C-alpha atoms as a PDB file:
ATOM      1  CA  MET A   1     179.630 -31.542  55.227  1.00  0.00           C
ATOM      2  CA  GLN A   2     181.300 -29.589  58.055  1.00  0.00           C
ATOM      3  CA  LYS A   3     184.222 -32.010  58.066  1.00  0.00           C
ATOM      4  CA  GLU A   4     184.731 -31.362  54.344  1.00  0.00           C
ATOM      5  CA  VAL A   5     184.646 -27.606  54.910  1.00  0.00           C
ATOM      6  CA  GLU A   6     187.144 -27.793  57.761  1.00  0.00           C
ATOM      7  CA  ALA A   7     189.472 -30.017  55.701  1.00  0.00           C
ATOM      8  CA  LEU A   8     189.386 -27.384  52.952  1.00  0.00           C
ATOM      9  CA  VAL A   9     190.041 -24.623  55.498  1.00  0.00           C
ATOM     10  CA  LYS A  10     193.171 -26.462  56.584  1.00  0.00           C
ATOM     11  CA  TRP A  11     194.255 -26.932  52.963  1.00  0.00           C
ATOM     12  CA  PHE A  12     193.800 -23.247  52.092  1.00  0.00           C
ATOM     13  CA  GLU A  13     195.355 -21.924  55.343  1.00  0.00           C
ATOM     14  CA  GLY A  14     198.575 -20.070  54.691  1.00  0.00           C
ATOM     15  CA  LYS A  15     198.393 -20.565  50.912  1.00  0.00           C
ATOM     16  CA  LYS A  16     199.373 -17.610  48.762  1.00  0.00           C
ATOM     17  CA  LEU A  17     196.545 -17.353  46.259  1.00  0.00           C
ATOM     18  CA  PRO A  18     197.155 -16.022  42.754  1.00  0.00           C
ATOM     19  CA  GLU A  19     196.212 -12.414  42.110  1.00  0.00           C
ATOM     20  CA  GLY A  20     194.420 -11.149  39.036  1.00  0.00           C
ATOM     21  CA  TYR A  21     192.337 -13.218  36.665  1.00  0.00           C
ATOM     22  CA  PHE A  22     191.842 -16.848  37.701  1.00  0.00           C
ATOM     23  CA  ALA A  23     189.596 -19.314  35.857  1.00  0.00           C
ATOM     24  CA  PHE A  24     188.758 -22.393  37.895  1.00  0.00           C
ATOM     25  CA  SER A  25     186.335 -24.038  35.499  1.00  0.00           C
ATOM     26  CA  ALA A  26     185.061 -23.560  31.975  1.00  0.00           C
ATOM     27  CA  TRP A  27     182.311 -21.278  33.258  1.00  0.00           C
ATOM     28  CA  GLU A  28     183.726 -19.778  36.476  1.00  0.00           C
ATOM     29  CA  SER A  29     186.417 -17.161  36.939  1.00  0.00           C
ATOM     30  CA  THR A  30     187.325 -14.291  39.226  1.00  0.00           C
ATOM     31  CA  TYR A  31     189.668 -11.343  39.426  1.00  0.00           C
ATOM     32  CA  ASN A  32     189.855 -11.645  43.234  1.00  0.00           C
ATOM     33  CA  LEU A  33     190.419 -15.268  44.207  1.00  0.00           C
ATOM     34  CA  ALA A  34     191.037 -14.509  47.890  1.00  0.00           C
ATOM     35  CA  ASN A  35     187.644 -12.818  48.167  1.00  0.00           C
ATOM     36  CA  THR A  36     185.937 -15.612  46.213  1.00  0.00           C
ATOM     37  CA  VAL A  37     187.417 -18.232  48.546  1.00  0.00           C
ATOM     38  CA  SER A  38     186.489 -16.207  51.632  1.00  0.00           C
ATOM     39  CA  LEU A  39     182.873 -15.808  50.530  1.00  0.00           C
ATOM     40  CA  ALA A  40     182.658 -19.467  49.539  1.00  0.00           C
ATOM     41  CA  PHE A  41     183.871 -20.490  53.009  1.00  0.00           C
ATOM     42  CA  ASP A  42     181.288 -18.284  54.694  1.00  0.00           C
ATOM     43  CA  ASN A  43     178.512 -19.771  52.597  1.00  0.00           C
ATOM     44  CA  ALA A  44     179.772 -23.356  52.866  1.00  0.00           C
ATOM     45  CA  ARG A  45     179.850 -23.063  56.655  1.00  0.00           C
ATOM     46  CA  ALA A  46     176.221 -21.913  56.455  1.00  0.00           C
ATOM     47  CA  GLY A  47     175.362 -25.109  54.570  1.00  0.00           C
ATOM     48  CA  ASN A  48     175.568 -23.967  50.957  1.00  0.00           C
ATOM     49  CA  THR A  49     176.630 -27.029  48.945  1.00  0.00           C
ATOM     50  CA  ASN A  50     177.322 -24.963  45.810  1.00  0.00           C
ATOM     51  CA  SER A  51     179.966 -22.984  47.686  1.00  0.00           C
ATOM     52  CA  LEU A  52     181.543 -26.217  48.885  1.00  0.00           C
ATOM     53  CA  ALA A  53     181.731 -27.352  45.259  1.00  0.00           C
ATOM     54  CA  VAL A  54     183.364 -24.034  44.271  1.00  0.00           C
ATOM     55  CA  LEU A  55     186.044 -24.528  46.930  1.00  0.00           C
ATOM     56  CA  LYS A  56     186.728 -28.037  45.662  1.00  0.00           C
ATOM     57  CA  ARG A  57     187.078 -26.793  42.071  1.00  0.00           C
ATOM     58  CA  VAL A  58     189.445 -24.003  43.112  1.00  0.00           C
ATOM     59  CA  LYS A  59     191.544 -26.452  45.132  1.00  0.00           C
ATOM     60  CA  GLU A  60     191.668 -28.887  42.217  1.00  0.00           C
ATOM     61  CA  LYS A  61     192.747 -26.136  39.819  1.00  0.00           C
ATOM     62  CA  LEU A  62     195.458 -24.905  42.196  1.00  0.00           C
ATOM     63  CA  GLU A  63     196.753 -28.441  42.715  1.00  0.00           C
ATOM     64  CA  SER A  64     196.943 -29.016  38.973  1.00  0.00           C
ATOM     65  CA  GLY A  65     199.276 -26.039  38.648  1.00  0.00           C
ATOM     66  CA  VAL A  66     197.574 -24.827  35.500  1.00  0.00           C
END
């Protein structure tokens, strides 16, 4: 799991994240994506698999450009 987290860290490094409302799934959204990503990284590094899944969904949404 740590390799997945570190790969995501590298992907997110230096990215300008959108500000304001951001929905990254049908049931998840945030008004502060940078903070959401930061907290998810902290928790994923501590072994939280749900946070790892959140990071993957955010990455997927950003890659889709929607």
